[in-house]
Amino acid sequence: MRQVITFILVGASSTGLYFLLLWGLRDIIASTMALTACCYGISMVYNYILQSWLTFRAGPPTRRSMTRFVIMHLTAMALNSLLMAGLVDGLGMALFGSQVLVTALISAMIFVVSKRWVYQV
């Protein structure tokens, strides 16, 4: 249960950083896909450090966990950007509302993959 709570807290702070970047860069980066990918990449680094240290207590980073984390998040980032482009550009949904929905879906996926694959001992 500690892992779930810590994962949520770290994820919430990472998501907060993502939304702050999204708001701050929205007038600088015109493409929805580029904007969301940039914001996601920055929050991904922040997330790795805290999830590794606090949530999964994985010890020092290993090449294996870092590689798996990057693969997982690149997949999640691509999925995030594609879903956001589809919802915002394709369906005309609101940027922030769409991101809340997509974030919830991707967060659940990331917890399971992190626990079972990235930080697997």
C-alpha atoms as a PDB file:
ATOM      1  CA  MET A   1       0.000   0.000   0.000  1.00  0.00           C
ATOM      2  CA  ARG A   2       2.952   2.312   0.700  1.00  0.00           C
ATOM      3  CA  GLN A   3       4.045   1.947  -2.932  1.00  0.00           C
ATOM      4  CA  VAL A   4       0.630   2.906  -4.250  1.00  0.00           C
ATOM      5  CA  ILE A   5       0.420   6.007  -2.033  1.00  0.00           C
ATOM      6  CA  THR A   6       3.964   7.092  -2.806  1.00  0.00           C
ATOM      7  CA  PHE A   7       3.425   6.414  -6.510  1.00  0.00           C
ATOM      8  CA  ILE A   8       0.337   8.629  -6.449  1.00  0.00           C
ATOM      9  CA  LEU A   9       2.126  11.435  -4.579  1.00  0.00           C
ATOM     10  CA  VAL A  10       5.178  11.359  -6.845  1.00  0.00           C
ATOM     11  CA  GLY A  11       2.930  11.050  -9.876  1.00  0.00           C
ATOM     12  CA  ALA A  12       0.808  13.974  -8.714  1.00  0.00           C
ATOM     13  CA  SER A  13       3.868  16.188  -8.317  1.00  0.00           C
ATOM     14  CA  SER A  14       5.193  15.037 -11.701  1.00  0.00           C
ATOM     15  CA  THR A  15       1.790  15.696 -13.253  1.00  0.00           C
ATOM     16  CA  GLY A  16       1.721  19.113 -11.597  1.00  0.00           C
ATOM     17  CA  LEU A  17       5.078  19.876 -13.178  1.00  0.00           C
ATOM     18  CA  TYR A  18       3.737  18.659 -16.537  1.00  0.00           C
ATOM     19  CA  PHE A  19       0.661  20.919 -16.341  1.00  0.00           C
ATOM     20  CA  LEU A  20       2.776  23.877 -15.226  1.00  0.00           C
ATOM     21  CA  LEU A  21       5.037  23.357 -18.233  1.00  0.00           C
ATOM     22  CA  LEU A  22       1.998  22.852 -20.487  1.00  0.00           C
ATOM     23  CA  TRP A  23       0.557  26.168 -19.335  1.00  0.00           C
ATOM     24  CA  GLY A  24       3.893  27.984 -19.513  1.00  0.00           C
ATOM     25  CA  LEU A  25       4.867  26.738 -22.968  1.00  0.00           C
ATOM     26  CA  ARG A  26       1.439  26.720 -24.660  1.00  0.00           C
ATOM     27  CA  ASP A  27       2.052  30.039 -26.438  1.00  0.00           C
ATOM     28  CA  ILE A  28       5.651  29.182 -27.327  1.00  0.00           C
ATOM     29  CA  ILE A  29       5.180  25.727 -28.892  1.00  0.00           C
ATOM     30  CA  ALA A  30       2.319  25.782 -31.412  1.00  0.00           C
ATOM     31  CA  SER A  31       2.081  22.058 -32.214  1.00  0.00           C
ATOM     32  CA  THR A  32       0.016  20.058 -29.714  1.00  0.00           C
ATOM     33  CA  MET A  33       2.178  16.978 -30.292  1.00  0.00           C
ATOM     34  CA  ALA A  34       5.448  18.891 -29.821  1.00  0.00           C
ATOM     35  CA  LEU A  35       4.109  20.752 -26.781  1.00  0.00           C
ATOM     36  CA  THR A  36       2.916  17.634 -24.993  1.00  0.00           C
ATOM     37  CA  ALA A  37       6.059  15.668 -25.918  1.00  0.00           C
ATOM     38  CA  CYS A  38       8.348  18.400 -24.558  1.00  0.00           C
ATOM     39  CA  CYS A  39       6.424  18.721 -21.306  1.00  0.00           C
ATOM     40  CA  TYR A  40       6.250  14.953 -20.920  1.00  0.00           C
ATOM     41  CA  GLY A  41       9.996  14.525 -21.480  1.00  0.00           C
ATOM     42  CA  ILE A  42      10.913  16.997 -18.757  1.00  0.00           C
ATOM     43  CA  SER A  43       8.468  15.524 -16.261  1.00  0.00           C
ATOM     44  CA  MET A  44       9.713  12.009 -17.160  1.00  0.00           C
ATOM     45  CA  VAL A  45      13.225  12.746 -15.838  1.00  0.00           C
ATOM     46  CA  TYR A  46      11.811  14.212 -12.632  1.00  0.00           C
ATOM     47  CA  ASN A  47       9.518  11.195 -12.249  1.00  0.00           C
ATOM     48  CA  TYR A  48      12.301   8.612 -12.715  1.00  0.00           C
ATOM     49  CA  ILE A  49      14.413  10.128  -9.993  1.00  0.00           C
ATOM     50  CA  LEU A  50      11.600  10.244  -7.432  1.00  0.00           C
ATOM     51  CA  GLN A  51       9.918   6.929  -8.327  1.00  0.00           C
ATOM     52  CA  SER A  52      13.244   5.105  -8.215  1.00  0.00           C
ATOM     53  CA  TRP A  53      14.257   6.665  -4.911  1.00  0.00           C
ATOM     54  CA  LEU A  54      10.966   6.980  -3.006  1.00  0.00           C
ATOM     55  CA  THR A  55       8.369   4.619  -4.449  1.00  0.00           C
ATOM     56  CA  PHE A  56      10.200   1.478  -5.456  1.00  0.00           C
ATOM     57  CA  ARG A  57      13.356   2.030  -3.378  1.00  0.00           C
ATOM     58  CA  ALA A  58      15.333   0.511  -6.194  1.00  0.00           C
ATOM     59  CA  GLY A  59      18.680   1.750  -4.966  1.00  0.00           C
ATOM     60  CA  PRO A  60      21.137   3.372  -7.327  1.00  0.00           C
ATOM     61  CA  PRO A  61      19.967   3.536 -10.920  1.00  0.00           C
ATOM     62  CA  THR A  62      20.980   0.585 -13.054  1.00  0.00           C
ATOM     63  CA  ARG A  63      21.351   0.497 -16.795  1.00  0.00           C
ATOM     64  CA  ARG A  64      18.549  -2.073 -16.929  1.00  0.00           C
ATOM     65  CA  SER A  65      16.010  -0.054 -14.913  1.00  0.00           C
ATOM     66  CA  MET A  66      16.886   3.188 -16.686  1.00  0.00           C
ATOM     67  CA  THR A  67      16.546   1.554 -20.100  1.00  0.00           C
ATOM     68  CA  ARG A  68      13.228  -0.009 -19.170  1.00  0.00           C
ATOM     69  CA  PHE A  69      11.988   3.251 -17.659  1.00  0.00           C
ATOM     70  CA  VAL A  70      12.880   5.153 -20.810  1.00  0.00           C
ATOM     71  CA  ILE A  71      11.214   2.535 -23.027  1.00  0.00           C
ATOM     72  CA  MET A  72       8.098   2.616 -20.849  1.00  0.00           C
ATOM     73  CA  HIS A  73       7.913   6.402 -20.841  1.00  0.00           C
ATOM     74  CA  LEU A  74       8.717   6.839 -24.513  1.00  0.00           C
ATOM     75  CA  THR A  75       5.820   4.501 -25.208  1.00  0.00           C
ATOM     76  CA  ALA A  76       3.641   6.423 -22.757  1.00  0.00           C
ATOM     77  CA  MET A  77       4.789   9.752 -24.226  1.00  0.00           C
ATOM     78  CA  ALA A  78       3.903   8.612 -27.743  1.00  0.00           C
ATOM     79  CA  LEU A  79       0.540   7.342 -26.536  1.00  0.00           C
ATOM     80  CA  ASN A  80      -0.038  10.613 -24.638  1.00  0.00           C
ATOM     81  CA  SER A  81       0.800  12.747 -27.670  1.00  0.00           C
ATOM     82  CA  LEU A  82      -1.284  10.638 -30.066  1.00  0.00           C
ATOM     83  CA  LEU A  83      -4.295  10.574 -27.748  1.00  0.00           C
ATOM     84  CA  MET A  84      -4.007  14.303 -27.087  1.00  0.00           C
ATOM     85  CA  ALA A  85      -3.747  15.121 -30.796  1.00  0.00           C
ATOM     86  CA  GLY A  86      -6.755  12.912 -31.477  1.00  0.00           C
ATOM     87  CA  LEU A  87      -8.850  14.397 -28.683  1.00  0.00           C
ATOM     88  CA  VAL A  88      -7.823  18.057 -29.076  1.00  0.00           C
ATOM     89  CA  ASP A  89      -7.087  18.395 -32.782  1.00  0.00           C
ATOM     90  CA  GLY A  90      -9.328  15.609 -34.057  1.00  0.00           C
ATOM     91  CA  LEU A  91     -12.376  15.858 -31.798  1.00  0.00           C
ATOM     92  CA  GLY A  92     -12.032  19.488 -30.705  1.00  0.00           C
ATOM     93  CA  MET A  93     -11.981  18.685 -26.989  1.00  0.00           C
ATOM     94  CA  ALA A  94     -10.441  21.088 -24.468  1.00  0.00           C
ATOM     95  CA  LEU A  95      -6.662  20.806 -23.956  1.00  0.00           C
ATOM     96  CA  PHE A  96      -6.656  20.569 -20.169  1.00  0.00           C
ATOM     97  CA  GLY A  97      -9.737  18.374 -19.812  1.00  0.00           C
ATOM     98  CA  SER A  98      -8.350  15.969 -22.381  1.00  0.00           C
ATOM     99  CA  GLN A  99      -5.027  15.849 -20.590  1.00  0.00           C
ATOM    100  CA  VAL A 100      -6.679  14.956 -17.275  1.00  0.00           C
ATOM    101  CA  LEU A 101      -8.412  11.982 -18.895  1.00  0.00           C
ATOM    102  CA  VAL A 102      -5.312  10.806 -20.759  1.00  0.00           C
ATOM    103  CA  THR A 103      -3.131  11.249 -17.648  1.00  0.00           C
ATOM    104  CA  ALA A 104      -5.406   8.995 -15.576  1.00  0.00           C
ATOM    105  CA  LEU A 105      -5.258   6.216 -18.175  1.00  0.00           C
ATOM    106  CA  ILE A 106      -1.519   6.405 -18.669  1.00  0.00           C
ATOM    107  CA  SER A 107      -0.796   6.627 -14.915  1.00  0.00           C
ATOM    108  CA  ALA A 108      -2.520   3.316 -14.228  1.00  0.00           C
ATOM    109  CA  MET A 109      -0.557   1.691 -17.037  1.00  0.00           C
ATOM    110  CA  ILE A 110       2.739   3.131 -15.785  1.00  0.00           C
ATOM    111  CA  PHE A 111       2.252   1.861 -12.219  1.00  0.00           C
ATOM    112  CA  VAL A 112       1.680  -1.713 -13.374  1.00  0.00           C
ATOM    113  CA  VAL A 113       4.569  -1.678 -15.846  1.00  0.00           C
ATOM    114  CA  SER A 114       6.904  -0.022 -13.298  1.00  0.00           C
ATOM    115  CA  LYS A 115       6.113  -2.555 -10.594  1.00  0.00           C
ATOM    116  CA  ARG A 116       6.212  -5.636 -12.813  1.00  0.00           C
ATOM    117  CA  TRP A 117       8.933  -4.747 -15.313  1.00  0.00           C
ATOM    118  CA  VAL A 118      11.001  -1.589 -14.682  1.00  0.00           C
ATOM    119  CA  TYR A 119      11.909  -2.130 -11.019  1.00  0.00           C
ATOM    120  CA  GLN A 120      11.522  -5.907 -10.967  1.00  0.00           C
ATOM    121  CA  VAL A 121      14.286  -7.443  -8.891  1.00  0.00           C
END
